[in-house]
PDB file of N, CA and C in Angstrom:
ATOM      1  N   MET A   1     198.588-122.359  38.575  1.00  0.00           N
ATOM      2  CA  MET A   1     198.692-122.088  39.316  1.00  0.00           C
ATOM      3  C   MET A   1     198.027-121.753  40.339  1.00  0.00           C
ATOM      4  N   SER A   2     198.250-121.380  41.550  1.00  0.00           N
ATOM      5  CA  SER A   2     197.547-121.485  42.826  1.00  0.00           C
ATOM      6  C   SER A   2     196.972-120.614  43.005  1.00  0.00           C
ATOM      7  N   ALA A   3     195.783-120.909  43.799  1.00  0.00           N
ATOM      8  CA  ALA A   3     194.626-119.606  44.559  1.00  0.00           C
ATOM      9  C   ALA A   3     195.822-119.226  45.498  1.00  0.00           C
ATOM     10  N   LYS A   4     195.686-117.515  45.550  1.00  0.00           N
ATOM     11  CA  LYS A   4     195.930-117.134  46.475  1.00  0.00           C
ATOM     12  C   LYS A   4     195.409-116.872  47.820  1.00  0.00           C
ATOM     13  N   PRO A   5     196.337-117.379  48.888  1.00  0.00           N
ATOM     14  CA  PRO A   5     195.329-117.655  50.346  1.00  0.00           C
ATOM     15  C   PRO A   5     194.622-116.229  50.672  1.00  0.00           C
ATOM     16  N   LEU A   6     193.408-116.664  51.277  1.00  0.00           N
ATOM     17  CA  LEU A   6     192.765-115.854  52.306  1.00  0.00           C
ATOM     18  C   LEU A   6     193.745-114.775  53.162  1.00  0.00           C
ATOM     19  N   GLU A   7     193.169-113.236  53.232  1.00  0.00           N
ATOM     20  CA  GLU A   7     193.773-112.398  54.224  1.00  0.00           C
ATOM     21  C   GLU A   7     193.246-113.221  55.420  1.00  0.00           C
ATOM     22  N   PRO A   8     193.740-112.872  56.602  1.00  0.00           N
ATOM     23  CA  PRO A   8     192.926-113.416  57.830  1.00  0.00           C
ATOM     24  C   PRO A   8     191.841-113.076  58.590  1.00  0.00           C
ATOM     25  N   HIS A   9     191.799-111.622  57.553  1.00  0.00           N
ATOM     26  CA  HIS A   9     190.049-111.450  58.223  1.00  0.00           C
ATOM     27  C   HIS A   9     188.968-111.732  57.379  1.00  0.00           C
ATOM     28  N   GLN A  10     189.515-112.086  55.914  1.00  0.00           N
ATOM     29  CA  GLN A  10     188.368-113.268  55.206  1.00  0.00           C
ATOM     30  C   GLN A  10     188.523-114.283  55.790  1.00  0.00           C
ATOM     31  N   TRP A  11     189.718-115.090  55.944  1.00  0.00           N
ATOM     32  CA  TRP A  11     189.289-116.282  56.694  1.00  0.00           C
ATOM     33  C   TRP A  11     188.046-116.298  57.945  1.00  0.00           C
ATOM     34  N   ILE A  12     188.376-115.510  58.555  1.00  0.00           N
ATOM     35  CA  ILE A  12     187.331-115.334  60.041  1.00  0.00           C
ATOM     36  C   ILE A  12     185.997-115.167  59.096  1.00  0.00           C
ATOM     37  N   HIS A  13     186.453-114.076  58.574  1.00  0.00           N
ATOM     38  CA  HIS A  13     184.940-113.925  57.733  1.00  0.00           C
ATOM     39  C   HIS A  13     184.095-115.264  57.483  1.00  0.00           C
ATOM     40  N   THR A  14     184.762-116.303  56.558  1.00  0.00           N
ATOM     41  CA  THR A  14     184.362-117.082  55.703  1.00  0.00           C
ATOM     42  C   THR A  14     183.970-118.056  56.905  1.00  0.00           C
ATOM     43  N   PHE A  15     184.743-118.463  57.775  1.00  0.00           N
ATOM     44  CA  PHE A  15     184.345-119.231  59.142  1.00  0.00           C
ATOM     45  C   PHE A  15     183.345-118.863  59.721  1.00  0.00           C
ATOM     46  N   PHE A  16     182.836-117.638  60.274  1.00  0.00           N
ATOM     47  CA  PHE A  16     181.876-117.301  60.796  1.00  0.00           C
ATOM     48  C   PHE A  16     180.706-117.335  59.875  1.00  0.00           C
ATOM     49  N   THR A  17     180.565-117.243  58.689  1.00  0.00           N
ATOM     50  CA  THR A  17     179.373-117.199  57.875  1.00  0.00           C
ATOM     51  C   THR A  17     179.045-118.386  57.348  1.00  0.00           C
ATOM     52  N   SER A  18     179.849-119.533  57.617  1.00  0.00           N
ATOM     53  CA  SER A  18     179.510-120.611  57.027  1.00  0.00           C
ATOM     54  C   SER A  18     178.104-121.032  57.684  1.00  0.00           C
ATOM     55  N   LYS A  19     177.564-122.230  56.962  1.00  0.00           N
ATOM     56  CA  LYS A  19     176.202-122.449  57.579  1.00  0.00           C
ATOM     57  C   LYS A  19     175.834-122.988  58.562  1.00  0.00           C
ATOM     58  N   SER A  20     176.876-123.730  59.174  1.00  0.00           N
ATOM     59  CA  SER A  20     176.753-124.138  60.400  1.00  0.00           C
ATOM     60  C   SER A  20     176.986-123.206  61.620  1.00  0.00           C
ATOM     61  N   ALA A  21     177.628-121.962  61.369  1.00  0.00           N
ATOM     62  CA  ALA A  21     178.021-120.801  62.234  1.00  0.00           C
ATOM     63  C   ALA A  21     176.760-120.009  61.941  1.00  0.00           C
ATOM     64  N   ARG A  22     175.852-120.189  60.970  1.00  0.00           N
ATOM     65  CA  ARG A  22     175.055-119.207  60.961  1.00  0.00           C
ATOM     66  C   ARG A  22     173.603-119.518  61.593  1.00  0.00           C
ATOM     67  N   ASP A  23     173.414-121.078  61.472  1.00  0.00           N
ATOM     68  CA  ASP A  23     172.578-121.582  61.918  1.00  0.00           C
ATOM     69  C   ASP A  23     172.830-121.892  63.645  1.00  0.00           C
ATOM     70  N   GLY A  24     174.144-121.454  64.088  1.00  0.00           N
ATOM     71  CA  GLY A  24     174.433-121.611  65.982  1.00  0.00           C
ATOM     72  C   GLY A  24     174.728-122.947  65.970  1.00  0.00           C
ATOM     73  N   PHE A  25     175.259-123.949  65.500  1.00  0.00           N
ATOM     74  CA  PHE A  25     175.888-124.977  65.521  1.00  0.00           C
ATOM     75  C   PHE A  25     177.291-125.126  65.764  1.00  0.00           C
ATOM     76  N   VAL A  26     178.108-126.110  65.894  1.00  0.00           N
ATOM     77  CA  VAL A  26     179.305-126.326  66.010  1.00  0.00           C
ATOM     78  C   VAL A  26     180.376-126.177  65.061  1.00  0.00           C
ATOM     79  N   VAL A  27     181.461-125.920  64.702  1.00  0.00           N
ATOM     80  CA  VAL A  27     182.252-125.344  63.627  1.00  0.00           C
ATOM     81  C   VAL A  27     183.731-126.087  64.449  1.00  0.00           C
ATOM     82  N   ARG A  28     184.339-126.779  63.328  1.00  0.00           N
ATOM     83  CA  ARG A  28     185.307-127.720  63.620  1.00  0.00           C
ATOM     84  C   ARG A  28     186.644-127.350  62.573  1.00  0.00           C
ATOM     85  N   ARG A  29     187.831-126.812  63.001  1.00  0.00           N
ATOM     86  CA  ARG A  29     189.060-126.431  62.256  1.00  0.00           C
ATOM     87  C   ARG A  29     190.340-127.001  62.914  1.00  0.00           C
ATOM     88  N   LYS A  30     191.466-127.688  62.276  1.00  0.00           N
ATOM     89  CA  LYS A  30     192.234-127.865  62.914  1.00  0.00           C
ATOM     90  C   LYS A  30     193.136-126.685  63.424  1.00  0.00           C
ATOM     91  N   LEU A  31     193.853-126.982  64.683  1.00  0.00           N
ATOM     92  CA  LEU A  31     194.275-125.823  65.237  1.00  0.00           C
ATOM     93  C   LEU A  31     195.442-125.306  64.299  1.00  0.00           C
ATOM     94  N   ARG A  32     196.225-126.047  63.565  1.00  0.00           N
ATOM     95  CA  ARG A  32     197.292-125.714  62.725  1.00  0.00           C
ATOM     96  C   ARG A  32     196.848-124.729  61.808  1.00  0.00           C
ATOM     97  N   ASP A  33     195.754-125.243  61.206  1.00  0.00           N
ATOM     98  CA  ASP A  33     194.904-124.208  60.080  1.00  0.00           C
ATOM     99  C   ASP A  33     194.472-122.517  60.884  1.00  0.00           C
ATOM    100  N   ILE A  34     193.820-122.688  61.577  1.00  0.00           N
ATOM    101  CA  ILE A  34     193.741-121.787  62.275  1.00  0.00           C
ATOM    102  C   ILE A  34     194.745-120.533  62.368  1.00  0.00           C
ATOM    103  N   GLU A  35     195.857-121.402  63.294  1.00  0.00           N
ATOM    104  CA  GLU A  35     197.139-120.487  63.190  1.00  0.00           C
ATOM    105  C   GLU A  35     197.794-120.172  61.627  1.00  0.00           C
ATOM    106  N   ARG A  36     197.778-121.209  60.944  1.00  0.00           N
ATOM    107  CA  ARG A  36     198.004-120.448  59.600  1.00  0.00           C
ATOM    108  C   ARG A  36     197.442-119.640  59.107  1.00  0.00           C
ATOM    109  N   PHE A  37     196.135-119.558  58.942  1.00  0.00           N
ATOM    110  CA  PHE A  37     195.717-118.788  58.269  1.00  0.00           C
ATOM    111  C   PHE A  37     195.475-116.968  58.993  1.00  0.00           C
ATOM    112  N   CYS A  38     195.331-117.356  59.840  1.00  0.00           N
ATOM    113  CA  CYS A  38     194.840-115.957  60.781  1.00  0.00           C
ATOM    114  C   CYS A  38     195.506-115.844  62.105  1.00  0.00           C
ATOM    115  N   GLY A  39     195.747-116.698  62.857  1.00  0.00           N
ATOM    116  CA  GLY A  39     196.261-116.581  64.179  1.00  0.00           C
ATOM    117  C   GLY A  39     195.429-116.863  65.415  1.00  0.00           C
ATOM    118  N   MET A  40     196.199-117.379  66.283  1.00  0.00           N
ATOM    119  CA  MET A  40     194.939-117.825  67.636  1.00  0.00           C
ATOM    120  C   MET A  40     194.458-116.688  67.779  1.00  0.00           C
ATOM    121  N   GLU A  41     195.439-115.413  68.073  1.00  0.00           N
ATOM    122  CA  GLU A  41     195.051-114.096  69.247  1.00  0.00           C
ATOM    123  C   GLU A  41     193.725-113.747  68.270  1.00  0.00           C
ATOM    124  N   LEU A  42     194.059-113.472  66.912  1.00  0.00           N
ATOM    125  CA  LEU A  42     192.450-112.775  66.114  1.00  0.00           C
ATOM    126  C   LEU A  42     191.606-113.461  66.103  1.00  0.00           C
ATOM    127  N   PHE A  43     191.673-115.078  65.938  1.00  0.00           N
ATOM    128  CA  PHE A  43     190.480-116.103  66.026  1.00  0.00           C
ATOM    129  C   PHE A  43     189.923-115.758  67.212  1.00  0.00           C
ATOM    130  N   LEU A  44     190.341-116.142  68.439  1.00  0.00           N
ATOM    131  CA  LEU A  44     189.939-116.287  69.944  1.00  0.00           C
ATOM    132  C   LEU A  44     189.111-114.965  70.179  1.00  0.00           C
ATOM    133  N   ALA A  45     189.960-113.747  69.998  1.00  0.00           N
ATOM    134  CA  ALA A  45     189.024-112.273  69.979  1.00  0.00           C
ATOM    135  C   ALA A  45     187.867-112.548  69.274  1.00  0.00           C
ATOM    136  N   GLU A  46     187.681-112.574  68.197  1.00  0.00           N
ATOM    137  CA  GLU A  46     186.512-113.191  67.290  1.00  0.00           C
ATOM    138  C   GLU A  46     185.625-114.088  68.079  1.00  0.00           C
ATOM    139  N   VAL A  47     186.290-115.335  68.728  1.00  0.00           N
ATOM    140  CA  VAL A  47     185.303-115.654  69.029  1.00  0.00           C
ATOM    141  C   VAL A  47     184.358-115.156  70.599  1.00  0.00           C
ATOM    142  N   GLN A  48     185.306-114.413  71.078  1.00  0.00           N
ATOM    143  CA  GLN A  48     184.982-113.709  71.918  1.00  0.00           C
ATOM    144  C   GLN A  48     183.986-112.556  71.995  1.00  0.00           C
ATOM    145  N   ARG A  49     184.361-112.074  70.891  1.00  0.00           N
ATOM    146  CA  ARG A  49     183.598-110.770  70.279  1.00  0.00           C
ATOM    147  C   ARG A  49     182.291-111.133  70.275  1.00  0.00           C
ATOM    148  N   ARG A  50     181.797-112.500  69.499  1.00  0.00           N
ATOM    149  CA  ARG A  50     180.594-112.934  69.298  1.00  0.00           C
ATOM    150  C   ARG A  50     179.700-113.910  70.308  1.00  0.00           C
ATOM    151  N   GLY A  51     180.563-113.776  71.716  1.00  0.00           N
ATOM    152  CA  GLY A  51     179.942-114.631  72.630  1.00  0.00           C
ATOM    153  C   GLY A  51     179.993-116.064  72.394  1.00  0.00           C
ATOM    154  N   TYR A  52     180.968-116.660  71.939  1.00  0.00           N
ATOM    155  CA  TYR A  52     180.719-117.985  71.646  1.00  0.00           C
ATOM    156  C   TYR A  52     182.018-118.212  72.480  1.00  0.00           C
ATOM    157  N   ARG A  53     182.203-120.209  72.696  1.00  0.00           N
ATOM    158  CA  ARG A  53     182.917-120.800  73.488  1.00  0.00           C
ATOM    159  C   ARG A  53     183.830-121.875  72.602  1.00  0.00           C
ATOM    160  N   ALA A  54     184.816-121.547  72.584  1.00  0.00           N
ATOM    161  CA  ALA A  54     185.942-122.293  71.775  1.00  0.00           C
ATOM    162  C   ALA A  54     186.864-123.617  72.804  1.00  0.00           C
ATOM    163  N   TYR A  55     186.902-124.585  72.371  1.00  0.00           N
ATOM    164  CA  TYR A  55     187.533-125.900  73.090  1.00  0.00           C
ATOM    165  C   TYR A  55     188.826-126.366  72.340  1.00  0.00           C
ATOM    166  N   GLU A  56     190.072-126.967  72.495  1.00  0.00           N
ATOM    167  CA  GLU A  56     190.753-127.772  71.669  1.00  0.00           C
ATOM    168  C   GLU A  56     190.894-129.045  72.384  1.00  0.00           C
ATOM    169  N   ASN A  57     190.902-130.059  71.576  1.00  0.00           N
ATOM    170  CA  ASN A  57     191.218-131.301  72.052  1.00  0.00           C
ATOM    171  C   ASN A  57     192.003-131.910  70.680  1.00  0.00           C
ATOM    172  N   SER A  58     193.235-132.337  70.966  1.00  0.00           N
ATOM    173  CA  SER A  58     194.144-133.373  70.051  1.00  0.00           C
ATOM    174  C   SER A  58     194.047-132.633  68.484  1.00  0.00           C
ATOM    175  N   GLY A  59     194.378-131.287  68.764  1.00  0.00           N
ATOM    176  CA  GLY A  59     195.049-130.634  67.594  1.00  0.00           C
ATOM    177  C   GLY A  59     193.266-130.243  66.722  1.00  0.00           C
ATOM    178  N   GLN A  60     192.448-129.832  67.242  1.00  0.00           N
ATOM    179  CA  GLN A  60     191.623-129.697  66.805  1.00  0.00           C
ATOM    180  C   GLN A  60     190.684-128.975  67.968  1.00  0.00           C
ATOM    181  N   ILE A  61     190.289-127.462  67.005  1.00  0.00           N
ATOM    182  CA  ILE A  61     189.509-126.601  67.644  1.00  0.00           C
ATOM    183  C   ILE A  61     187.759-126.830  67.414  1.00  0.00           C
ATOM    184  N   VAL A  62     187.312-126.472  68.257  1.00  0.00           N
ATOM    185  CA  VAL A  62     185.977-127.054  68.163  1.00  0.00           C
ATOM    186  C   VAL A  62     184.909-125.363  68.854  1.00  0.00           C
ATOM    187  N   VAL A  63     183.959-124.663  67.770  1.00  0.00           N
ATOM    188  CA  VAL A  63     183.883-123.551  68.363  1.00  0.00           C
ATOM    189  C   VAL A  63     181.836-124.101  68.359  1.00  0.00           C
ATOM    190  N   PHE A  64     181.468-123.500  69.833  1.00  0.00           N
ATOM    191  CA  PHE A  64     180.231-123.317  69.584  1.00  0.00           C
ATOM    192  C   PHE A  64     179.661-122.368  69.552  1.00  0.00           C
ATOM    193  N   CYS A  65     178.761-122.485  68.213  1.00  0.00           N
ATOM    194  CA  CYS A  65     178.508-120.784  67.883  1.00  0.00           C
ATOM    195  C   CYS A  65     177.221-120.519  68.274  1.00  0.00           C
ATOM    196  N   ASN A  66     176.885-120.714  69.720  1.00  0.00           N
ATOM    197  CA  ASN A  66     175.722-120.176  70.233  1.00  0.00           C
ATOM    198  C   ASN A  66     176.072-120.048  71.783  1.00  0.00           C
ATOM    199  N   SER A  67     175.328-119.004  72.723  1.00  0.00           N
ATOM    200  CA  SER A  67     175.410-119.150  74.003  1.00  0.00           C
ATOM    201  C   SER A  67     174.739-120.044  74.852  1.00  0.00           C
ATOM    202  N   ALA A  68     174.358-121.321  74.364  1.00  0.00           N
ATOM    203  CA  ALA A  68     173.752-122.264  75.290  1.00  0.00           C
ATOM    204  C   ALA A  68     174.598-122.820  76.093  1.00  0.00           C
ATOM    205  N   PRO A  69     174.017-123.596  77.005  1.00  0.00           N
ATOM    206  CA  PRO A  69     175.016-124.206  77.900  1.00  0.00           C
ATOM    207  C   PRO A  69     175.370-125.256  77.291  1.00  0.00           C
ATOM    208  N   ILE A  70     176.833-125.549  77.801  1.00  0.00           N
ATOM    209  CA  ILE A  70     177.705-126.915  77.541  1.00  0.00           C
ATOM    210  C   ILE A  70     177.758-127.572  78.520  1.00  0.00           C
ATOM    211  N   LYS A  71     177.504-129.131  78.556  1.00  0.00           N
ATOM    212  CA  LYS A  71     177.287-129.837  79.444  1.00  0.00           C
ATOM    213  C   LYS A  71     178.350-131.314  79.057  1.00  0.00           C
ATOM    214  N   ARG A  72     179.088-131.417  79.894  1.00  0.00           N
ATOM    215  CA  ARG A  72     179.955-132.663  79.656  1.00  0.00           C
ATOM    216  C   ARG A  72     179.021-134.119  80.296  1.00  0.00           C
ATOM    217  N   LEU A  73     179.231-134.825  79.386  1.00  0.00           N
ATOM    218  CA  LEU A  73     178.323-136.115  79.821  1.00  0.00           C
ATOM    219  C   LEU A  73     179.074-137.177  80.308  1.00  0.00           C
ATOM    220  N   SER A  74     180.669-137.675  80.162  1.00  0.00           N
ATOM    221  CA  SER A  74     181.413-138.669  80.473  1.00  0.00           C
ATOM    222  C   SER A  74     182.552-138.012  80.691  1.00  0.00           C
TER     223      SER A  74
END
């Protein structure tokens, strides 16, 4: 018997209450997982509501769970 998948709002809650997110660090997830579990529109609305920034690269979404400046190094 497989576990019931999380509802979209539960998945988002789990994402943003992870230790890394709570501590203001970076959290990374696959784009396809975000789309499958909650949808990009809902996810990005929550990122924006919290004042965070999200970036995509090669199928990965990186969320900076703080408002510190981001500097590109190369």
